[in-house]
Amino acid sequence: MKPVDFDYFDPATVDEALALLANHGDDGKALAGGQSLVPLLNLRLARPKVLVDLNRIASLAYVRERNGGLAIGAMTRQRVVETSDLVRSRCPLLAEATTLIGHPTIRNRGTVGGSLAHADPASELPAALLALGGEVAARSRAGERVIPAKEFFRGHLTTALRPGELLAEIRLPAMPAGAGWAFEELARRHGDFAVVGVAAVVVPDGSGRVKSAALALIGVGGAAFRAAQAEQALVGRSLDDGAMRDAGRLAAQAARPESDVHAPAEYRTAMVEVFVRRALGRAWSRIKGVGA
């Protein structure tokens, strides 16, 4: 199958792209790496009348230090993030999550902003953004709007972006000193979308207990989400087997998976408990310095 007819534009600047998106409203669609949008076009599941290709806009591709954390341009290729020393030093969870996306050929082309704007509920980068407490900067002809990650993902393939807005930058605080992290996922084959995925960040309080925790889940709801009750249940506790079991159970209760060709809903829910425990265990091992 081939896409329906559309008009194609390849602006060289952000302002040109914003003008095109503003002029065409709901009929316009931005094209980043194309790893998600192009298959949808070919299947006619997406039918934009206007395609605005962002690939000539070099100013949207960068990884920079920002207030001790990171600023990442929306057109930055996933492979750049995966191999960036700055990302590994400031937000190593993001680097780890990126290694799980598809295969190297996908990551060479796919962009950070494209993945987040697509908002696939099984995609790794939304979970990383949520677990790290990040935000996105959306630009339009009216100016810039900053959207916290917890408000950005609205549902299946749906975000808080408005017509005429462009996801321009991803902003992440540096991970706290001494924090442990891990990204664990279950996929049927290497490179497949996750059946279940868990991004975990654990901050110790200095006395062997949990000061704060973040658990973001993918594959078990209409969008990536934070398991807030599971996170809260860990605070003030030593991260022993009992605490990890409790967090896994509460996270599973928050899951709302659907059955599909990859796995039944019941299996996905059961695997939430397993992979929350795995992610927390590996995060705690990093804190204790006994493994990675």
C-alpha atoms as a PDB file:
ATOM      1  CA  MET A   1       0.000   0.000   0.000  1.00  0.00           C
ATOM      2  CA  LYS A   2       1.130   3.575  -0.646  1.00  0.00           C
ATOM      3  CA  PRO A   3       0.340   6.867   1.124  1.00  0.00           C
ATOM      4  CA  VAL A   4      -2.505   9.097   0.053  1.00  0.00           C
ATOM      5  CA  ASP A   5      -1.455  12.209  -1.878  1.00  0.00           C
ATOM      6  CA  PHE A   6       0.084  15.023   0.154  1.00  0.00           C
ATOM      7  CA  ASP A   7       1.996  18.253  -0.403  1.00  0.00           C
ATOM      8  CA  TYR A   8       5.636  18.091   0.682  1.00  0.00           C
ATOM      9  CA  PHE A   9       7.778  20.902   2.123  1.00  0.00           C
ATOM     10  CA  ASP A  10      11.359  20.787   3.418  1.00  0.00           C
ATOM     11  CA  PRO A  11      12.045  24.062   5.241  1.00  0.00           C
ATOM     12  CA  ALA A  12      15.597  25.019   6.233  1.00  0.00           C
ATOM     13  CA  THR A  13      14.719  26.939   9.416  1.00  0.00           C
ATOM     14  CA  VAL A  14      12.470  26.503  12.432  1.00  0.00           C
ATOM     15  CA  ASP A  15      10.582  29.684  11.579  1.00  0.00           C
ATOM     16  CA  GLU A  16       9.788  28.364   8.097  1.00  0.00           C
ATOM     17  CA  ALA A  17       8.560  25.081   9.571  1.00  0.00           C
ATOM     18  CA  LEU A  18       6.386  26.849  12.142  1.00  0.00           C
ATOM     19  CA  ALA A  19       4.850  29.046   9.452  1.00  0.00           C
ATOM     20  CA  LEU A  20       3.955  25.981   7.384  1.00  0.00           C
ATOM     21  CA  LEU A  21       2.458  24.166  10.368  1.00  0.00           C
ATOM     22  CA  ALA A  22       0.484  27.252  11.384  1.00  0.00           C
ATOM     23  CA  ASN A  23      -0.873  27.760   7.880  1.00  0.00           C
ATOM     24  CA  HIS A  24      -2.055  24.185   7.519  1.00  0.00           C
ATOM     25  CA  GLY A  25      -3.305  23.427  11.053  1.00  0.00           C
ATOM     26  CA  ASP A  26      -4.665  19.907  11.513  1.00  0.00           C
ATOM     27  CA  ASP A  27      -3.845  19.083   7.890  1.00  0.00           C
ATOM     28  CA  GLY A  28      -0.089  19.431   8.501  1.00  0.00           C
ATOM     29  CA  LYS A  29       2.255  16.826   9.944  1.00  0.00           C
ATOM     30  CA  ALA A  30       5.935  17.176  10.862  1.00  0.00           C
ATOM     31  CA  LEU A  31       8.336  14.504   9.604  1.00  0.00           C
ATOM     32  CA  ALA A  32      11.407  13.813  11.744  1.00  0.00           C
ATOM     33  CA  GLY A  33      13.288  10.521  11.379  1.00  0.00           C
ATOM     34  CA  GLY A  34      10.319   8.826   9.730  1.00  0.00           C
ATOM     35  CA  GLN A  35      10.746   5.511  11.566  1.00  0.00           C
ATOM     36  CA  SER A  36       7.198   5.708  12.946  1.00  0.00           C
ATOM     37  CA  LEU A  37       5.387   8.079  10.605  1.00  0.00           C
ATOM     38  CA  VAL A  38       6.413   6.580   7.261  1.00  0.00           C
ATOM     39  CA  PRO A  39       4.982   3.110   8.058  1.00  0.00           C
ATOM     40  CA  LEU A  40       1.739   4.772   9.145  1.00  0.00           C
ATOM     41  CA  LEU A  41       1.654   6.717   5.890  1.00  0.00           C
ATOM     42  CA  ASN A  42       2.226   3.571   3.854  1.00  0.00           C
ATOM     43  CA  LEU A  43      -0.591   1.787   5.693  1.00  0.00           C
ATOM     44  CA  ARG A  44      -2.799   4.871   5.320  1.00  0.00           C
ATOM     45  CA  LEU A  45      -3.288   4.997   9.073  1.00  0.00           C
ATOM     46  CA  ALA A  46      -1.998   8.581   8.881  1.00  0.00           C
ATOM     47  CA  ARG A  47      -3.387  10.803   6.116  1.00  0.00           C
ATOM     48  CA  PRO A  48      -1.905  14.296   6.363  1.00  0.00           C
ATOM     49  CA  LYS A  49      -2.539  16.639   3.475  1.00  0.00           C
ATOM     50  CA  VAL A  50       0.773  18.405   4.120  1.00  0.00           C
ATOM     51  CA  LEU A  51       4.086  16.921   5.226  1.00  0.00           C
ATOM     52  CA  VAL A  52       6.691  19.270   6.710  1.00  0.00           C
ATOM     53  CA  ASP A  53      10.106  17.581   6.616  1.00  0.00           C
ATOM     54  CA  LEU A  54      12.397  18.807   9.417  1.00  0.00           C
ATOM     55  CA  ASN A  55      15.570  17.077   8.287  1.00  0.00           C
ATOM     56  CA  ARG A  56      17.215  20.183   6.793  1.00  0.00           C
ATOM     57  CA  ILE A  57      16.895  22.117  10.074  1.00  0.00           C
ATOM     58  CA  ALA A  58      20.351  21.630  11.560  1.00  0.00           C
ATOM     59  CA  SER A  59      19.596  23.912  14.512  1.00  0.00           C
ATOM     60  CA  LEU A  60      17.285  21.236  15.983  1.00  0.00           C
ATOM     61  CA  ALA A  61      20.049  18.615  16.339  1.00  0.00           C
ATOM     62  CA  TYR A  62      22.272  18.959  19.426  1.00  0.00           C
ATOM     63  CA  VAL A  63      23.083  17.667  22.913  1.00  0.00           C
ATOM     64  CA  ARG A  64      24.031  20.432  25.359  1.00  0.00           C
ATOM     65  CA  GLU A  65      24.533  21.038  29.055  1.00  0.00           C
ATOM     66  CA  ARG A  66      21.692  23.048  30.572  1.00  0.00           C
ATOM     67  CA  ASN A  67      21.558  24.091  34.236  1.00  0.00           C
ATOM     68  CA  GLY A  68      23.556  21.034  35.199  1.00  0.00           C
ATOM     69  CA  GLY A  69      21.307  18.752  33.175  1.00  0.00           C
ATOM     70  CA  LEU A  70      20.705  18.281  29.468  1.00  0.00           C
ATOM     71  CA  ALA A  71      19.026  20.008  26.562  1.00  0.00           C
ATOM     72  CA  ILE A  72      18.535  17.812  23.507  1.00  0.00           C
ATOM     73  CA  GLY A  73      17.294  19.097  20.186  1.00  0.00           C
ATOM     74  CA  ALA A  74      14.274  17.302  18.813  1.00  0.00           C
ATOM     75  CA  MET A  75      16.061  16.251  15.613  1.00  0.00           C
ATOM     76  CA  THR A  76      18.975  14.645  17.458  1.00  0.00           C
ATOM     77  CA  ARG A  77      19.389  11.076  16.237  1.00  0.00           C
ATOM     78  CA  GLN A  78      18.912   8.363  18.815  1.00  0.00           C
ATOM     79  CA  ARG A  79      22.342   6.933  18.041  1.00  0.00           C
ATOM     80  CA  VAL A  80      23.910  10.286  18.991  1.00  0.00           C
ATOM     81  CA  VAL A  81      22.181  10.143  22.371  1.00  0.00           C
ATOM     82  CA  GLU A  82      23.193   6.515  22.859  1.00  0.00           C
ATOM     83  CA  THR A  83      26.893   7.282  22.333  1.00  0.00           C
ATOM     84  CA  SER A  84      27.091  10.749  23.934  1.00  0.00           C
ATOM     85  CA  ASP A  85      29.531  11.041  26.838  1.00  0.00           C
ATOM     86  CA  LEU A  86      27.526  14.008  28.128  1.00  0.00           C
ATOM     87  CA  VAL A  87      24.309  11.958  28.214  1.00  0.00           C
ATOM     88  CA  ARG A  88      26.078   9.074  29.948  1.00  0.00           C
ATOM     89  CA  SER A  89      27.475  11.362  32.625  1.00  0.00           C
ATOM     90  CA  ARG A  90      24.340  13.452  33.313  1.00  0.00           C
ATOM     91  CA  CYS A  91      21.458  11.054  32.525  1.00  0.00           C
ATOM     92  CA  PRO A  92      22.781   7.506  32.096  1.00  0.00           C
ATOM     93  CA  LEU A  93      19.245   6.073  32.248  1.00  0.00           C
ATOM     94  CA  LEU A  94      18.484   7.831  28.957  1.00  0.00           C
ATOM     95  CA  ALA A  95      21.553   6.330  27.313  1.00  0.00           C
ATOM     96  CA  GLU A  96      20.565   2.875  28.542  1.00  0.00           C
ATOM     97  CA  ALA A  97      16.976   3.256  27.352  1.00  0.00           C
ATOM     98  CA  THR A  98      18.137   4.317  23.900  1.00  0.00           C
ATOM     99  CA  THR A  99      20.135   1.117  23.400  1.00  0.00           C
ATOM    100  CA  LEU A 100      16.856  -0.823  23.549  1.00  0.00           C
ATOM    101  CA  ILE A 101      15.226   1.013  20.636  1.00  0.00           C
ATOM    102  CA  GLY A 102      14.991  -1.208  17.562  1.00  0.00           C
ATOM    103  CA  HIS A 103      18.353  -1.869  15.904  1.00  0.00           C
ATOM    104  CA  PRO A 104      21.336   0.395  15.109  1.00  0.00           C
ATOM    105  CA  THR A 105      19.971   1.187  11.656  1.00  0.00           C
ATOM    106  CA  ILE A 106      16.750   2.422  13.271  1.00  0.00           C
ATOM    107  CA  ARG A 107      18.628   4.497  15.853  1.00  0.00           C
ATOM    108  CA  ASN A 108      20.844   6.023  13.176  1.00  0.00           C
ATOM    109  CA  ARG A 109      17.765   7.545  11.582  1.00  0.00           C
ATOM    110  CA  GLY A 110      15.223   7.845  14.389  1.00  0.00           C
ATOM    111  CA  THR A 111      15.094  11.068  16.397  1.00  0.00           C
ATOM    112  CA  VAL A 112      14.465  11.784  20.049  1.00  0.00           C
ATOM    113  CA  GLY A 113      11.733  14.297  19.323  1.00  0.00           C
ATOM    114  CA  GLY A 114      10.033  12.108  16.756  1.00  0.00           C
ATOM    115  CA  SER A 115       9.771   9.205  19.176  1.00  0.00           C
ATOM    116  CA  LEU A 116       8.354  11.364  21.965  1.00  0.00           C
ATOM    117  CA  ALA A 117       5.866  13.143  19.697  1.00  0.00           C
ATOM    118  CA  HIS A 118       4.697   9.799  18.295  1.00  0.00           C
ATOM    119  CA  ALA A 119       3.989   8.621  21.871  1.00  0.00           C
ATOM    120  CA  ASP A 120       3.792   4.916  21.204  1.00  0.00           C
ATOM    121  CA  PRO A 121       2.758   3.293  24.522  1.00  0.00           C
ATOM    122  CA  ALA A 122       5.528   0.682  24.125  1.00  0.00           C
ATOM    123  CA  SER A 123       8.295   3.155  23.278  1.00  0.00           C
ATOM    124  CA  GLU A 124      11.292   3.502  25.601  1.00  0.00           C
ATOM    125  CA  LEU A 125      11.993   7.244  25.425  1.00  0.00           C
ATOM    126  CA  PRO A 126       8.677   8.366  26.978  1.00  0.00           C
ATOM    127  CA  ALA A 127       9.422   6.173  30.009  1.00  0.00           C
ATOM    128  CA  ALA A 128      12.906   7.643  30.343  1.00  0.00           C
ATOM    129  CA  LEU A 129      11.563  11.200  30.106  1.00  0.00           C
ATOM    130  CA  LEU A 130       8.964  10.456  32.790  1.00  0.00           C
ATOM    131  CA  ALA A 131      11.323   8.671  35.161  1.00  0.00           C
ATOM    132  CA  LEU A 132      13.880  11.474  34.912  1.00  0.00           C
ATOM    133  CA  GLY A 133      11.305  14.199  35.547  1.00  0.00           C
ATOM    134  CA  GLY A 134      11.981  15.898  32.238  1.00  0.00           C
ATOM    135  CA  GLU A 135      10.015  18.336  30.142  1.00  0.00           C
ATOM    136  CA  VAL A 136       9.639  19.303  26.523  1.00  0.00           C
ATOM    137  CA  ALA A 137       9.709  22.724  24.915  1.00  0.00           C
ATOM    138  CA  ALA A 138       7.097  23.169  22.207  1.00  0.00           C
ATOM    139  CA  ARG A 139       7.391  26.064  19.788  1.00  0.00           C
ATOM    140  CA  SER A 140       4.808  27.773  17.640  1.00  0.00           C
ATOM    141  CA  ARG A 141       4.487  31.164  15.993  1.00  0.00           C
ATOM    142  CA  ALA A 142       3.049  32.372  19.315  1.00  0.00           C
ATOM    143  CA  GLY A 143       6.235  31.478  21.196  1.00  0.00           C
ATOM    144  CA  GLU A 144       7.503  28.679  23.410  1.00  0.00           C
ATOM    145  CA  ARG A 145       5.489  26.497  25.779  1.00  0.00           C
ATOM    146  CA  VAL A 146       7.181  24.181  28.305  1.00  0.00           C
ATOM    147  CA  ILE A 147       5.283  20.968  29.068  1.00  0.00           C
ATOM    148  CA  PRO A 148       6.269  18.658  31.958  1.00  0.00           C
ATOM    149  CA  ALA A 149       6.585  15.018  30.942  1.00  0.00           C
ATOM    150  CA  LYS A 150       3.749  14.004  33.281  1.00  0.00           C
ATOM    151  CA  GLU A 151       1.395  16.283  31.304  1.00  0.00           C
ATOM    152  CA  PHE A 152       2.724  15.529  27.839  1.00  0.00           C
ATOM    153  CA  PHE A 153       1.533  11.964  27.205  1.00  0.00           C
ATOM    154  CA  ARG A 154      -2.256  11.939  26.964  1.00  0.00           C
ATOM    155  CA  GLY A 155      -3.077   8.487  25.559  1.00  0.00           C
ATOM    156  CA  HIS A 156      -2.417   6.152  22.666  1.00  0.00           C
ATOM    157  CA  LEU A 157      -0.326   8.096  20.101  1.00  0.00           C
ATOM    158  CA  THR A 158      -1.629  11.318  21.667  1.00  0.00           C
ATOM    159  CA  THR A 159       0.295  14.158  23.294  1.00  0.00           C
ATOM    160  CA  ALA A 160      -0.350  17.656  24.604  1.00  0.00           C
ATOM    161  CA  LEU A 161       1.045  19.225  21.421  1.00  0.00           C
ATOM    162  CA  ARG A 162      -1.410  21.617  19.798  1.00  0.00           C
ATOM    163  CA  PRO A 163      -1.981  22.203  16.083  1.00  0.00           C
ATOM    164  CA  GLY A 164       0.802  24.407  14.788  1.00  0.00           C
ATOM    165  CA  GLU A 165       3.203  23.407  17.578  1.00  0.00           C
ATOM    166  CA  LEU A 166       6.526  21.699  17.090  1.00  0.00           C
ATOM    167  CA  LEU A 167       8.370  19.723  19.722  1.00  0.00           C
ATOM    168  CA  ALA A 168      11.681  21.597  19.631  1.00  0.00           C
ATOM    169  CA  GLU A 169      13.703  20.544  22.667  1.00  0.00           C
ATOM    170  CA  ILE A 170      13.843  17.961  25.439  1.00  0.00           C
ATOM    171  CA  ARG A 171      15.093  19.122  28.846  1.00  0.00           C
ATOM    172  CA  LEU A 172      16.291  16.810  31.587  1.00  0.00           C
ATOM    173  CA  PRO A 173      17.681  17.515  35.048  1.00  0.00           C
ATOM    174  CA  ALA A 174      20.887  15.728  35.949  1.00  0.00           C
ATOM    175  CA  MET A 175      20.310  12.531  37.868  1.00  0.00           C
ATOM    176  CA  PRO A 176      20.944  13.048  41.612  1.00  0.00           C
ATOM    177  CA  ALA A 177      24.380  12.100  42.909  1.00  0.00           C
ATOM    178  CA  GLY A 178      24.396   8.538  44.190  1.00  0.00           C
ATOM    179  CA  ALA A 179      21.192   7.556  42.403  1.00  0.00           C
ATOM    180  CA  GLY A 180      20.737   4.092  40.958  1.00  0.00           C
ATOM    181  CA  TRP A 181      18.953   3.434  37.702  1.00  0.00           C
ATOM    182  CA  ALA A 182      17.923   0.686  35.347  1.00  0.00           C
ATOM    183  CA  PHE A 183      15.756   0.105  32.303  1.00  0.00           C
ATOM    184  CA  GLU A 184      14.378  -3.398  32.000  1.00  0.00           C
ATOM    185  CA  GLU A 185      12.055  -4.644  29.293  1.00  0.00           C
ATOM    186  CA  LEU A 186      10.569  -7.815  27.886  1.00  0.00           C
ATOM    187  CA  ALA A 187      10.432  -8.104  24.097  1.00  0.00           C
ATOM    188  CA  ARG A 188       9.631 -11.154  21.984  1.00  0.00           C
ATOM    189  CA  ARG A 189      12.775 -10.585  19.921  1.00  0.00           C
ATOM    190  CA  HIS A 190      15.684  -8.209  20.189  1.00  0.00           C
ATOM    191  CA  GLY A 191      14.647  -4.922  18.641  1.00  0.00           C
ATOM    192  CA  ASP A 192      10.898  -5.498  18.971  1.00  0.00           C
ATOM    193  CA  PHE A 193       8.653  -3.102  20.851  1.00  0.00           C
ATOM    194  CA  ALA A 194       8.441  -3.891  24.548  1.00  0.00           C
ATOM    195  CA  VAL A 195       5.712  -6.180  25.828  1.00  0.00           C
ATOM    196  CA  VAL A 196       6.477  -4.644  29.224  1.00  0.00           C
ATOM    197  CA  GLY A 197       9.135  -2.100  30.133  1.00  0.00           C
ATOM    198  CA  VAL A 198      10.196  -0.398  33.357  1.00  0.00           C
ATOM    199  CA  ALA A 199      12.435   2.641  33.856  1.00  0.00           C
ATOM    200  CA  ALA A 200      13.586   2.975  37.465  1.00  0.00           C
ATOM    201  CA  VAL A 201      15.477   5.709  39.291  1.00  0.00           C
ATOM    202  CA  VAL A 202      16.177   5.275  43.013  1.00  0.00           C
ATOM    203  CA  VAL A 203      17.738   7.970  45.208  1.00  0.00           C
ATOM    204  CA  PRO A 204      19.129   6.793  48.583  1.00  0.00           C
ATOM    205  CA  ASP A 205      18.936   8.893  51.745  1.00  0.00           C
ATOM    206  CA  GLY A 206      22.421   8.106  53.032  1.00  0.00           C
ATOM    207  CA  SER A 207      21.271   5.660  55.691  1.00  0.00           C
ATOM    208  CA  GLY A 208      20.508   2.690  53.462  1.00  0.00           C
ATOM    209  CA  ARG A 209      16.911   3.655  52.765  1.00  0.00           C
ATOM    210  CA  VAL A 210      15.054   5.109  49.799  1.00  0.00           C
ATOM    211  CA  LYS A 211      14.722   8.881  49.701  1.00  0.00           C
ATOM    212  CA  SER A 212      12.752   8.922  46.451  1.00  0.00           C
ATOM    213  CA  ALA A 213      11.946   6.592  43.596  1.00  0.00           C
ATOM    214  CA  ALA A 214      10.597   6.870  40.071  1.00  0.00           C
ATOM    215  CA  LEU A 215       9.021   3.979  38.188  1.00  0.00           C
ATOM    216  CA  ALA A 216       7.788   4.575  34.641  1.00  0.00           C
ATOM    217  CA  LEU A 217       6.006   1.783  32.768  1.00  0.00           C
ATOM    218  CA  ILE A 218       5.484   1.082  29.078  1.00  0.00           C
ATOM    219  CA  GLY A 219       3.467  -1.536  27.228  1.00  0.00           C
ATOM    220  CA  VAL A 220       0.751  -1.754  29.873  1.00  0.00           C
ATOM    221  CA  GLY A 221      -1.484   1.242  29.206  1.00  0.00           C
ATOM    222  CA  GLY A 222      -2.593   3.734  26.594  1.00  0.00           C
ATOM    223  CA  ALA A 223       0.585   5.733  27.229  1.00  0.00           C
ATOM    224  CA  ALA A 224       3.730   5.549  29.319  1.00  0.00           C
ATOM    225  CA  PHE A 225       2.990   6.463  32.941  1.00  0.00           C
ATOM    226  CA  ARG A 226       4.494   6.729  36.413  1.00  0.00           C
ATOM    227  CA  ALA A 227       3.419   4.135  38.986  1.00  0.00           C
ATOM    228  CA  ALA A 228       2.948   6.689  41.773  1.00  0.00           C
ATOM    229  CA  GLN A 229       1.665   4.372  44.509  1.00  0.00           C
ATOM    230  CA  ALA A 230       4.491   1.928  43.922  1.00  0.00           C
ATOM    231  CA  GLU A 231       7.012   4.776  44.119  1.00  0.00           C
ATOM    232  CA  GLN A 232       5.572   6.086  47.364  1.00  0.00           C
ATOM    233  CA  ALA A 233       5.577   2.619  48.929  1.00  0.00           C
ATOM    234  CA  LEU A 234       9.372   2.535  48.633  1.00  0.00           C
ATOM    235  CA  VAL A 235      10.114   5.828  50.389  1.00  0.00           C
ATOM    236  CA  GLY A 236      11.750   5.387  53.779  1.00  0.00           C
ATOM    237  CA  ARG A 237      12.344   1.667  53.301  1.00  0.00           C
ATOM    238  CA  SER A 238      15.403  -0.390  52.673  1.00  0.00           C
ATOM    239  CA  LEU A 239      15.136  -1.776  49.165  1.00  0.00           C
ATOM    240  CA  ASP A 240      14.964  -5.417  50.212  1.00  0.00           C
ATOM    241  CA  ASP A 241      13.013  -8.239  48.594  1.00  0.00           C
ATOM    242  CA  GLY A 242       9.839  -7.342  50.485  1.00  0.00           C
ATOM    243  CA  ALA A 243       9.924  -3.705  49.388  1.00  0.00           C
ATOM    244  CA  MET A 244      10.537  -4.678  45.782  1.00  0.00           C
ATOM    245  CA  ARG A 245       7.678  -7.191  45.852  1.00  0.00           C
ATOM    246  CA  ASP A 246       5.328  -4.560  47.271  1.00  0.00           C
ATOM    247  CA  ALA A 247       6.340  -2.070  44.587  1.00  0.00           C
ATOM    248  CA  GLY A 248       5.864  -4.668  41.869  1.00  0.00           C
ATOM    249  CA  ARG A 249       2.419  -5.566  43.139  1.00  0.00           C
ATOM    250  CA  LEU A 250       1.282  -1.941  43.324  1.00  0.00           C
ATOM    251  CA  ALA A 251       2.691  -1.188  39.880  1.00  0.00           C
ATOM    252  CA  ALA A 252       0.824  -4.182  38.439  1.00  0.00           C
ATOM    253  CA  GLN A 253      -2.398  -2.909  40.005  1.00  0.00           C
ATOM    254  CA  ALA A 254      -1.887   0.410  38.198  1.00  0.00           C
ATOM    255  CA  ALA A 255      -1.370  -1.268  34.826  1.00  0.00           C
ATOM    256  CA  ARG A 256      -4.192  -1.216  32.273  1.00  0.00           C
ATOM    257  CA  PRO A 257      -2.887  -3.398  29.451  1.00  0.00           C
ATOM    258  CA  GLU A 258      -4.857  -4.715  26.513  1.00  0.00           C
ATOM    259  CA  SER A 259      -4.469  -8.088  24.868  1.00  0.00           C
ATOM    260  CA  ASP A 260      -2.975  -8.120  21.384  1.00  0.00           C
ATOM    261  CA  VAL A 261      -1.057 -10.425  19.052  1.00  0.00           C
ATOM    262  CA  HIS A 262       2.085 -10.019  21.171  1.00  0.00           C
ATOM    263  CA  ALA A 263       0.720 -10.940  24.611  1.00  0.00           C
ATOM    264  CA  PRO A 264      -2.538 -11.240  26.559  1.00  0.00           C
ATOM    265  CA  ALA A 265      -3.341  -8.563  29.107  1.00  0.00           C
ATOM    266  CA  GLU A 266      -3.015 -10.991  32.016  1.00  0.00           C
ATOM    267  CA  TYR A 267       0.522 -11.900  31.010  1.00  0.00           C
ATOM    268  CA  ARG A 268       1.558  -8.267  30.670  1.00  0.00           C
ATOM    269  CA  THR A 269       0.200  -7.524  34.142  1.00  0.00           C
ATOM    270  CA  ALA A 270       2.079 -10.450  35.660  1.00  0.00           C
ATOM    271  CA  MET A 271       5.281  -9.355  33.980  1.00  0.00           C
ATOM    272  CA  VAL A 272       4.991  -5.859  35.466  1.00  0.00           C
ATOM    273  CA  GLU A 273       5.725  -7.343  38.892  1.00  0.00           C
ATOM    274  CA  VAL A 274       8.691  -9.290  37.569  1.00  0.00           C
ATOM    275  CA  PHE A 275      10.286  -6.414  35.684  1.00  0.00           C
ATOM    276  CA  VAL A 276       9.709  -3.823  38.408  1.00  0.00           C
ATOM    277  CA  ARG A 277      11.618  -6.104  40.781  1.00  0.00           C
ATOM    278  CA  ARG A 278      14.384  -6.585  38.225  1.00  0.00           C
ATOM    279  CA  ALA A 279      14.727  -2.864  37.547  1.00  0.00           C
ATOM    280  CA  LEU A 280      14.747  -1.972  41.234  1.00  0.00           C
ATOM    281  CA  GLY A 281      17.228  -4.716  42.029  1.00  0.00           C
ATOM    282  CA  ARG A 282      19.659  -3.528  39.382  1.00  0.00           C
ATOM    283  CA  ALA A 283      19.198   0.115  40.402  1.00  0.00           C
ATOM    284  CA  TRP A 284      19.957  -0.786  44.030  1.00  0.00           C
ATOM    285  CA  SER A 285      23.010  -2.779  42.956  1.00  0.00           C
ATOM    286  CA  ARG A 286      24.338   0.323  41.229  1.00  0.00           C
ATOM    287  CA  ILE A 287      23.842   2.326  44.427  1.00  0.00           C
ATOM    288  CA  LYS A 288      25.782  -0.276  46.426  1.00  0.00           C
ATOM    289  CA  GLY A 289      28.427  -0.467  43.716  1.00  0.00           C
ATOM    290  CA  VAL A 290      28.150  -4.215  43.238  1.00  0.00           C
ATOM    291  CA  GLY A 291      26.929  -4.366  39.660  1.00  0.00           C
ATOM    292  CA  ALA A 292      25.445  -2.577  36.707  1.00  0.00           C
END
